[in-house]
């Protein structure tokens, strides 16, 4: 691979670390005696740290025209903090580790898209973004695979606790290795370049949004302040009433996603008795089906339209999420149905993500598409802050059944909101060409 492309291997290694960490944190919290409320709070604080990090690092990236520094800071910072995981024996201490690692992770996320745009000719931006996402997505899957193997085999020799702690060390080493690759291969542009701010380029990662249990988010958030969010939801911006209405529905639906996915790993472990290694394996199914389904989603959107596809994805989730709660009743039923359900959730995320991206792109005013996509990404991230807390609280106080039913109910309420449009859109739908990097 030419030197100019070597930095992609850094993102491959970093996302392998992220894939392993995505389930390591909730499973280790459960091992330490954590509850669903604890896990929800962990997810919420990590997502908030990611939003805060995007604000701070995004502004820094606009002012300091460096790329390598941000990448190395993000990867090495993430790896450094995971070196401490073997020494953590209280759930409370996981909060600072998770929040700081996520905050530093966002340093590299602010320049990820800039690296693609600055290292590919404008005509090849789509190809470059697709290649970047493939490296990131494959890395995430490899990280999940490492987690599945490590936590499936090692506990027989050293026990569950040391298997999880040593996986933390592997995660750290992957992050540190990614930082080394970034230091060696991330190019600093030699020629003066057009001013491309963080706000202006965030849209380019529209298809970098991946549904996962977000403890080390790979997404880039738009820099929104509290007053901006209020103004957006009030419709007092140039994005228009149709897109504002869609944002309401998407925020509600995505909150339902997090209400379901955040307590799900604990449900699998505590209620269904699924071993840690198989939990990782189930998320490999989810992400693999997610990537595989983008082709189906594209074809169906072009055939029947983006809103019908969106409605189909959300309706299936209103049914499938509550059904997860029934798997604990007949003994052994979950052994057959849980993998099937994970395949379904993976497919529906691809349908939701592509159709949602198309809707935002088409409804956004000319000249504001980047801003609109940035707002959309930020609101989806904000949904994790709310949904994680709700899902954890309901699971502990009313049971996992209530959390899963509430998740389905939120999505059902969102359905008519996202399907409502005051004017049809006749333009051809432009879809991202890449798959994912990655369950919420």
Protein backbone atom coordinates (compact mmCIF):
# COMPACT_ATOMS: atom_id res chain seq x y z
CA UNK A 1 0.00 0.00 0.00
CA UNK A 2 1.39 3.44 -0.87
CA UNK A 3 2.49 5.60 2.03
CA UNK A 4 -0.40 8.00 1.49
CA UNK A 5 -2.82 5.12 2.19
CA UNK A 6 -1.01 3.63 5.18
CA UNK A 7 -3.02 5.69 7.67
CA UNK A 8 -6.07 3.60 6.80
CA UNK A 9 -4.43 0.72 8.64
CA UNK A 10 -4.32 2.94 11.70
CA UNK A 11 -8.08 3.33 11.51
CA UNK A 12 -8.42 -0.41 10.98
CA UNK A 13 -6.51 -1.11 14.21
CA UNK A 14 -8.34 1.64 16.08
CA UNK A 15 -11.74 0.29 15.11
CA UNK A 16 -10.63 -3.20 16.08
CA UNK A 17 -9.96 -1.70 19.52
CA UNK A 18 -13.35 -0.01 19.44
CA UNK A 19 -15.12 -3.21 18.45
CA UNK A 20 -13.57 -5.11 21.35
CA UNK A 21 -14.28 -2.27 23.80
CA UNK A 22 -17.90 -1.84 22.68
CA UNK A 23 -19.01 -4.90 24.64
CA UNK A 24 -16.09 -5.19 27.03
CA UNK A 25 -17.28 -2.28 29.17
CA UNK A 26 -20.86 -3.48 29.82
CA UNK A 27 -19.76 -7.10 30.29
CA UNK A 28 -17.01 -6.10 32.70
CA UNK A 29 -19.46 -3.87 34.56
CA UNK A 30 -21.77 -6.86 34.92
CA UNK A 31 -18.86 -8.99 36.16
CA UNK A 32 -18.16 -6.35 38.82
CA UNK A 33 -21.76 -6.49 39.99
CA UNK A 34 -23.10 -3.59 37.96
CA UNK A 35 -26.81 -3.23 37.25
CA UNK A 36 -28.63 -2.23 34.09
CA UNK A 37 -28.89 1.28 35.55
CA UNK A 38 -25.11 1.37 35.90
CA UNK A 39 -24.64 0.20 32.34
CA UNK A 40 -27.14 2.78 31.09
CA UNK A 41 -25.33 5.52 32.97
CA UNK A 42 -22.01 4.34 31.51
CA UNK A 43 -23.39 4.56 27.99
CA UNK A 44 -24.99 7.93 28.64
CA UNK A 45 -21.87 9.53 30.11
CA UNK A 46 -19.71 8.12 27.30
CA UNK A 47 -22.04 9.54 24.68
CA UNK A 48 -22.07 12.90 26.44
CA UNK A 49 -18.26 12.84 26.59
CA UNK A 50 -18.26 12.15 22.85
CA UNK A 51 -20.49 15.15 22.17
CA UNK A 52 -18.36 17.37 24.40
CA UNK A 53 -15.23 16.05 22.73
CA UNK A 54 -16.57 16.83 19.29
CA UNK A 55 -17.22 20.42 20.34
CA UNK A 56 -13.73 20.94 21.77
CA UNK A 57 -11.74 18.93 19.25
CA UNK A 58 -13.81 20.24 16.33
CA UNK A 59 -13.00 23.83 17.20
CA UNK A 60 -9.36 22.94 17.69
CA UNK A 61 -9.28 21.21 14.29
CA UNK A 62 -10.66 24.35 12.66
CA UNK A 63 -7.90 26.49 14.16
CA UNK A 64 -4.90 24.15 14.22
CA UNK A 65 -4.27 22.90 10.70
CA UNK A 66 -2.69 19.64 11.79
CA UNK A 67 -3.92 16.13 11.20
CA UNK A 68 -1.34 13.74 12.63
CA UNK A 69 -1.51 15.31 16.10
CA UNK A 70 -5.25 14.78 16.38
CA UNK A 71 -5.09 11.20 15.14
CA UNK A 72 -2.26 10.22 17.48
CA UNK A 73 -3.94 11.95 20.43
CA UNK A 74 -7.18 10.06 19.80
CA UNK A 75 -5.67 6.63 19.29
CA UNK A 76 -2.97 6.78 21.96
CA UNK A 77 -5.31 8.41 24.45
CA UNK A 78 -7.89 5.67 23.96
CA UNK A 79 -5.25 2.93 24.26
CA UNK A 80 -3.59 4.52 27.29
CA UNK A 81 -6.73 4.58 29.40
CA UNK A 82 -7.65 1.00 28.57
CA UNK A 83 -4.31 -0.07 30.05
CA UNK A 84 -5.89 0.77 33.41
CA UNK A 85 -8.85 -1.60 32.99
CA UNK A 86 -7.14 -4.61 34.67
CA UNK A 87 -6.70 -2.47 37.80
CA UNK A 88 -10.36 -1.46 38.03
CA UNK A 89 -12.44 -3.40 40.55
CA UNK A 90 -15.39 -1.03 41.01
CA UNK A 91 -18.09 -0.07 38.53
CA UNK A 92 -17.68 3.56 39.57
CA UNK A 93 -14.11 3.62 38.24
CA UNK A 94 -15.30 2.46 34.83
CA UNK A 95 -17.06 5.80 34.43
CA UNK A 96 -13.92 7.91 34.34
CA UNK A 97 -12.06 5.40 32.18
CA UNK A 98 -14.87 5.15 29.67
CA UNK A 99 -15.56 8.90 29.56
CA UNK A 100 -11.91 9.94 29.19
CA UNK A 101 -11.18 7.29 26.56
CA UNK A 102 -14.24 8.38 24.58
CA UNK A 103 -13.38 12.07 24.91
CA UNK A 104 -9.89 11.48 23.54
CA UNK A 105 -11.20 9.13 20.84
CA UNK A 106 -13.15 12.05 19.39
CA UNK A 107 -9.87 13.87 18.69
CA UNK A 108 -9.17 11.64 15.69
CA UNK A 109 -12.82 11.56 14.65
CA UNK A 110 -12.79 15.31 13.99
CA UNK A 111 -10.15 14.95 11.27
CA UNK A 112 -11.05 11.53 9.85
CA UNK A 113 -13.15 12.91 7.02
CA UNK A 114 -10.70 15.74 6.39
CA UNK A 115 -7.98 13.15 5.80
CA UNK A 116 -10.08 11.53 3.09
CA UNK A 117 -11.00 14.81 1.41
CA UNK A 118 -7.42 16.05 1.46
CA UNK A 119 -5.85 12.84 0.17
CA UNK A 120 -8.21 12.09 -2.70
CA UNK A 121 -9.10 14.23 -5.70
CA UNK A 122 -12.57 15.71 -5.44
CA UNK A 123 -13.85 13.34 -8.13
CA UNK A 124 -12.75 10.39 -5.97
CA UNK A 125 -14.13 11.56 -2.62
CA UNK A 126 -16.94 9.02 -2.69
CA UNK A 127 -14.47 6.23 -3.47
CA UNK A 128 -12.17 7.42 -0.71
CA UNK A 129 -14.94 7.57 1.87
CA UNK A 130 -16.12 4.13 0.84
CA UNK A 131 -12.64 2.71 1.25
CA UNK A 132 -12.22 4.43 4.61
CA UNK A 133 -15.50 3.00 5.86
CA UNK A 134 -14.58 -0.50 4.67
CA UNK A 135 -11.32 -0.41 6.62
CA UNK A 136 -13.11 0.92 9.69
CA UNK A 137 -15.98 -1.56 9.38
CA UNK A 138 -13.69 -4.54 8.89
CA UNK A 139 -11.62 -3.41 11.86
CA UNK A 140 -14.73 -3.25 14.04
CA UNK A 141 -15.72 -6.77 13.03
CA UNK A 142 -12.21 -8.04 13.75
CA UNK A 143 -12.40 -6.45 17.21
CA UNK A 144 -15.67 -8.21 17.92
CA UNK A 145 -14.12 -11.44 16.68
CA UNK A 146 -11.16 -11.04 19.01
CA UNK A 147 -13.57 -10.44 21.88
CA UNK A 148 -15.63 -13.51 20.98
CA UNK A 149 -12.57 -15.77 20.81
CA UNK A 150 -10.81 -14.34 23.86
CA UNK A 151 -13.80 -14.38 26.21
CA UNK A 152 -14.99 -17.71 24.83
CA UNK A 153 -11.76 -19.65 25.29
CA UNK A 154 -9.67 -18.00 28.02
CA UNK A 155 -12.18 -18.16 30.92
CA UNK A 156 -11.73 -21.93 31.04
CA UNK A 157 -8.09 -21.41 32.02
CA UNK A 158 -8.00 -18.17 34.04
CA UNK A 159 -11.64 -17.37 34.83
CA UNK A 160 -14.04 -14.76 33.50
CA UNK A 161 -12.54 -11.81 35.36
CA UNK A 162 -9.01 -12.22 34.05
CA UNK A 163 -10.30 -12.97 30.55
CA UNK A 164 -12.10 -9.62 30.50
CA UNK A 165 -9.17 -7.76 32.05
CA UNK A 166 -6.71 -9.20 29.56
CA UNK A 167 -9.08 -8.25 26.73
CA UNK A 168 -8.76 -4.71 28.05
CA UNK A 169 -4.99 -4.98 27.58
CA UNK A 170 -5.48 -6.25 24.02
CA UNK A 171 -7.80 -3.31 23.37
CA UNK A 172 -5.17 -0.93 24.71
CA UNK A 173 -2.43 -2.46 22.55
CA UNK A 174 -4.59 -2.16 19.44
CA UNK A 175 -5.20 1.50 20.24
CA UNK A 176 -1.50 2.16 20.85
CA UNK A 177 -0.64 0.32 17.63
CA UNK A 178 -3.15 2.46 15.76
CA UNK A 179 -1.48 5.56 17.18
CA UNK A 180 1.92 4.35 15.99
CA UNK A 181 0.50 3.78 12.49
CA UNK A 182 -1.01 7.24 12.60
CA UNK A 183 2.30 8.79 13.64
CA UNK A 184 4.14 7.04 10.82
CA UNK A 185 1.64 7.37 7.99
CA UNK A 186 -0.86 10.20 8.52
CA UNK A 187 0.14 12.82 5.97
CA UNK A 188 0.27 16.53 6.68
CA UNK A 189 -0.71 18.32 3.44
CA UNK A 190 2.27 20.16 2.02
CA UNK A 191 0.35 22.53 -0.23
CA UNK A 192 -2.04 25.25 0.88
CA UNK A 193 -5.52 23.82 0.94
CA UNK A 194 -8.97 25.34 0.74
CA UNK A 195 -10.51 26.11 4.09
CA UNK A 196 -12.69 23.14 5.02
CA UNK A 197 -14.03 23.51 8.51
CA UNK A 198 -15.27 20.76 10.76
CA UNK A 199 -18.83 21.99 10.25
CA UNK A 200 -18.50 21.91 6.49
CA UNK A 201 -17.13 18.41 6.16
CA UNK A 202 -18.99 16.45 8.83
CA UNK A 203 -21.63 15.41 6.30
CA UNK A 204 -19.16 13.22 4.49
CA UNK A 205 -19.43 10.53 7.15
CA UNK A 206 -23.17 10.09 6.78
CA UNK A 207 -22.67 6.38 6.24
CA UNK A 208 -20.11 6.15 9.02
CA UNK A 209 -22.96 5.93 11.49
CA UNK A 210 -23.11 2.40 12.80
CA UNK A 211 -25.52 1.01 15.30
CA UNK A 212 -23.69 -0.37 18.26
CA UNK A 213 -23.54 -0.41 22.00
CA UNK A 214 -21.72 2.92 22.03
CA UNK A 215 -18.87 2.98 24.50
CA UNK A 216 -16.20 4.18 22.11
CA UNK A 217 -18.23 6.02 19.48
CA UNK A 218 -16.68 6.35 16.07
CA UNK A 219 -19.15 8.90 14.84
CA UNK A 220 -18.51 12.58 14.42
CA UNK A 221 -20.95 14.93 16.07
CA UNK A 222 -21.96 18.34 14.84
CA UNK A 223 -20.99 21.13 17.21
CA UNK A 224 -24.31 21.96 18.79
CA UNK A 225 -24.83 24.13 21.83
CA UNK A 226 -27.93 23.80 24.06
CA UNK A 227 -29.52 26.93 22.57
CA UNK A 228 -28.89 25.66 19.04
CA UNK A 229 -30.65 22.40 19.83
CA UNK A 230 -33.66 24.29 21.20
CA UNK A 231 -33.80 26.50 18.12
CA UNK A 232 -33.55 23.51 15.79
CA UNK A 233 -36.38 21.65 17.52
CA UNK A 234 -38.45 24.85 17.51
CA UNK A 235 -37.97 25.09 13.75
CA UNK A 236 -36.27 28.49 14.04
CA UNK A 237 -33.56 27.64 11.55
CA UNK A 238 -33.22 27.60 7.79
CA UNK A 239 -33.66 23.83 7.55
CA UNK A 240 -37.45 24.16 7.22
CA UNK A 241 -40.51 22.57 8.89
CA UNK A 242 -40.41 19.24 7.01
CA UNK A 243 -36.87 18.45 8.07
CA UNK A 244 -37.53 19.70 11.60
CA UNK A 245 -40.46 17.30 11.86
CA UNK A 246 -38.31 14.46 10.62
CA UNK A 247 -35.65 15.30 13.21
CA UNK A 248 -38.26 14.94 15.95
CA UNK A 249 -39.27 11.51 14.69
CA UNK A 250 -35.69 10.34 14.17
CA UNK A 251 -34.71 11.48 17.68
CA UNK A 252 -37.67 9.60 19.16
CA UNK A 253 -36.97 6.43 17.17
CA UNK A 254 -33.24 6.46 17.92
CA UNK A 255 -34.00 6.95 21.61
CA UNK A 256 -36.09 3.79 21.39
CA UNK A 257 -33.14 2.00 19.81
CA UNK A 258 -30.92 2.90 22.77
CA UNK A 259 -33.61 1.99 25.31
CA UNK A 260 -33.44 -1.49 23.83
CA UNK A 261 -29.77 -1.98 22.98
CA UNK A 262 -28.14 -0.53 26.09
CA UNK A 263 -29.49 -3.12 28.59
CA UNK A 264 -29.43 -5.92 25.99
CA UNK A 265 -25.96 -7.34 26.84
CA UNK A 266 -26.96 -7.66 30.50
CA UNK A 267 -30.22 -9.30 29.50
CA UNK A 268 -28.31 -11.83 27.43
CA UNK A 269 -25.91 -12.57 30.28
CA UNK A 270 -28.13 -12.33 33.37
CA UNK A 271 -31.48 -13.61 32.09
CA UNK A 272 -30.68 -15.87 29.14
CA UNK A 273 -27.32 -17.01 30.47
CA UNK A 274 -25.45 -16.40 27.20
CA UNK A 275 -21.66 -16.63 27.75
CA UNK A 276 -19.50 -13.57 27.05
CA UNK A 277 -17.96 -15.10 23.93
CA UNK A 278 -21.36 -15.77 22.40
CA UNK A 279 -22.51 -12.23 23.23
CA UNK A 280 -19.63 -10.94 21.08
CA UNK A 281 -20.56 -13.48 18.39
CA UNK A 282 -24.17 -12.25 18.32
CA UNK A 283 -22.98 -8.71 17.68
CA UNK A 284 -20.82 -10.00 14.86
CA UNK A 285 -24.03 -11.40 13.33
CA UNK A 286 -25.74 -8.05 13.84
CA UNK A 287 -22.97 -6.04 12.19
CA UNK A 288 -22.35 -8.56 9.44
CA UNK A 289 -26.02 -8.58 8.49
CA UNK A 290 -26.03 -4.80 8.72
CA UNK A 291 -23.22 -4.53 6.16
CA UNK A 292 -24.73 -7.21 3.91
CA UNK A 293 -28.15 -5.52 3.89
CA UNK A 294 -27.06 -2.18 2.45
CA UNK A 295 -27.37 -3.58 -1.08
CA UNK A 296 -30.94 -4.72 -0.37
CA UNK A 297 -31.75 -1.37 1.19
CA UNK A 298 -30.47 0.57 -1.82
CA UNK A 299 -32.48 -1.52 -4.26
CA UNK A 300 -35.68 -1.33 -2.23
CA UNK A 301 -35.36 2.44 -1.72
CA UNK A 302 -34.98 2.97 -5.45
CA UNK A 303 -37.98 0.71 -6.08
CA UNK A 304 -40.58 1.92 -3.55
CA UNK A 305 -39.11 5.10 -2.06
CA UNK A 306 -37.23 6.11 1.04
CA UNK A 307 -40.18 6.72 3.39
CA UNK A 308 -41.83 3.32 2.80
CA UNK A 309 -38.48 1.62 3.44
CA UNK A 310 -38.00 3.69 6.58
CA UNK A 311 -41.50 2.81 7.77
CA UNK A 312 -40.88 -0.88 7.12
CA UNK A 313 -37.65 -0.86 9.15
CA UNK A 314 -39.24 0.92 12.08
CA UNK A 315 -42.37 -1.24 12.09
CA UNK A 316 -40.30 -4.43 12.17
CA UNK A 317 -38.41 -3.06 15.15
CA UNK A 318 -41.61 -2.20 17.01
CA UNK A 319 -42.43 -5.91 16.80
CA UNK A 320 -39.02 -7.53 17.23
CA UNK A 321 -37.82 -5.53 20.24
CA UNK A 322 -40.63 -6.63 22.59
CA UNK A 323 -40.32 -10.20 21.30
CA UNK A 324 -36.81 -10.37 22.76
CA UNK A 325 -38.41 -10.29 26.22
CA UNK A 326 -40.33 -13.52 25.52
CA UNK A 327 -37.21 -15.57 24.83
CA UNK A 328 -36.64 -16.36 28.49
CA UNK A 329 -39.97 -18.17 28.91
CA UNK A 330 -39.63 -21.52 27.06
CA UNK A 331 -36.26 -23.08 28.02
CA UNK A 332 -33.87 -23.30 25.10
CA UNK A 333 -35.98 -21.18 22.75
CA UNK A 334 -33.41 -18.39 22.82
CA UNK A 335 -30.76 -20.69 21.37
CA UNK A 336 -32.64 -20.65 18.06
CA UNK A 337 -34.37 -17.29 18.01
CA UNK A 338 -31.75 -14.92 19.45
CA UNK A 339 -29.42 -15.27 16.41
CA UNK A 340 -32.40 -14.82 14.09
CA UNK A 341 -33.50 -11.70 15.94
CA UNK A 342 -29.99 -10.25 15.78
CA UNK A 343 -29.93 -10.80 12.02
CA UNK A 344 -33.24 -8.94 11.73
CA UNK A 345 -32.06 -5.99 13.83
CA UNK A 346 -28.91 -5.78 11.71
CA UNK A 347 -30.87 -5.65 8.48
CA UNK A 348 -33.35 -3.05 9.77
CA UNK A 349 -30.54 -0.72 10.84
CA UNK A 350 -29.20 -0.65 7.26
CA UNK A 351 -32.69 0.18 6.00
CA UNK A 352 -33.14 2.91 8.60
CA UNK A 353 -29.71 4.42 8.11
CA UNK A 354 -29.77 4.64 4.32
CA UNK A 355 -33.35 5.84 4.04
CA UNK A 356 -32.81 8.36 6.85
CA UNK A 357 -29.68 9.73 5.20
CA UNK A 358 -31.57 10.08 1.91
CA UNK A 359 -34.45 11.93 3.58
CA UNK A 360 -32.16 14.42 5.32
CA UNK A 361 -30.16 14.97 2.14
CA UNK A 362 -33.28 15.59 0.05
CA UNK A 363 -35.12 17.81 2.55
CA UNK A 364 -32.14 20.01 3.40
CA UNK A 365 -32.06 23.38 1.63
CA UNK A 366 -29.44 23.90 -1.06
CA UNK A 367 -26.20 24.94 0.55
CA UNK A 368 -27.16 23.52 3.96
CA UNK A 369 -26.90 19.79 3.36
CA UNK A 370 -23.68 19.46 5.36
CA UNK A 371 -25.14 21.37 8.27
CA UNK A 372 -28.36 19.33 8.16
CA UNK A 373 -26.48 16.02 8.17
CA UNK A 374 -24.34 17.24 11.03
CA UNK A 375 -27.44 18.10 13.05
CA UNK A 376 -28.91 14.70 12.23
CA UNK A 377 -25.77 12.91 13.42
CA UNK A 378 -25.72 14.95 16.60
CA UNK A 379 -29.36 14.23 17.40
CA UNK A 380 -28.79 10.51 16.91
CA UNK A 381 -25.88 10.77 19.33
CA UNK A 382 -28.04 12.73 21.78
CA UNK A 383 -30.60 9.92 21.67
CA UNK A 384 -28.06 7.63 23.33
CA UNK A 385 -27.76 10.00 26.28
CA UNK A 386 -31.52 9.81 26.88
CA UNK A 387 -32.20 6.24 25.79
CA UNK A 388 -29.38 4.71 27.82
CA UNK A 389 -30.66 6.23 31.06
CA UNK A 390 -34.27 5.25 30.32
CA UNK A 391 -33.38 1.69 29.32
CA UNK A 392 -31.20 1.08 32.34
CA UNK A 393 -33.73 2.53 34.77
CA UNK A 394 -36.67 0.56 33.38
CA UNK A 395 -34.70 -2.70 33.28
CA UNK A 396 -33.72 -2.47 36.95
CA UNK A 397 -36.98 -1.15 38.34
CA UNK A 398 -39.67 -2.70 36.14
CA UNK A 399 -37.79 -5.49 34.39
CA UNK A 400 -36.25 -6.00 30.98
CA UNK A 401 -39.70 -6.69 29.53
CA UNK A 402 -40.78 -3.13 30.31
CA UNK A 403 -37.64 -1.68 28.72
CA UNK A 404 -38.10 -3.66 25.51
CA UNK A 405 -41.80 -2.79 25.30
CA UNK A 406 -41.01 0.88 25.94
CA UNK A 407 -38.44 0.78 23.14
CA UNK A 408 -41.00 -0.61 20.72
CA UNK A 409 -43.58 1.96 21.87
CA UNK A 410 -41.23 4.90 21.27
CA UNK A 411 -40.51 3.67 17.75
CA UNK A 412 -44.22 3.12 17.10
CA UNK A 413 -44.95 6.71 18.16
CA UNK A 414 -42.16 7.93 15.89
CA UNK A 415 -43.56 6.08 12.86
CA UNK A 416 -46.27 8.57 11.79
CA UNK A 417 -43.93 11.48 12.49
CA UNK A 418 -41.15 10.33 10.18
CA UNK A 419 -43.60 9.20 7.50
CA UNK A 420 -45.48 12.50 7.40
CA UNK A 421 -44.46 14.85 4.62
CA UNK A 422 -46.14 18.01 3.43
CA UNK A 423 -44.70 17.72 -0.07
CA UNK A 424 -43.39 14.72 -2.02
CA UNK A 425 -39.75 14.56 -3.05
CA UNK A 426 -39.26 13.73 -6.69
CA UNK A 427 -35.50 14.01 -6.95
CA UNK A 428 -33.43 10.92 -7.50
CA UNK A 429 -32.15 9.53 -4.23
CA UNK A 430 -28.43 9.77 -3.69
CA UNK A 431 -27.20 7.02 -1.41
CA UNK A 432 -23.85 6.52 0.28
CA UNK A 433 -21.82 3.85 -1.45
CA UNK A 434 -19.97 2.44 1.54
CA UNK A 435 -21.11 0.03 4.18
CA UNK A 436 -20.23 0.98 7.72
CA UNK A 437 -17.28 1.19 10.03
CA UNK A 438 -20.59 0.07 13.54
CA UNK A 439 -24.94 -2.87 18.00
CA UNK A 440 -26.77 0.84 19.68
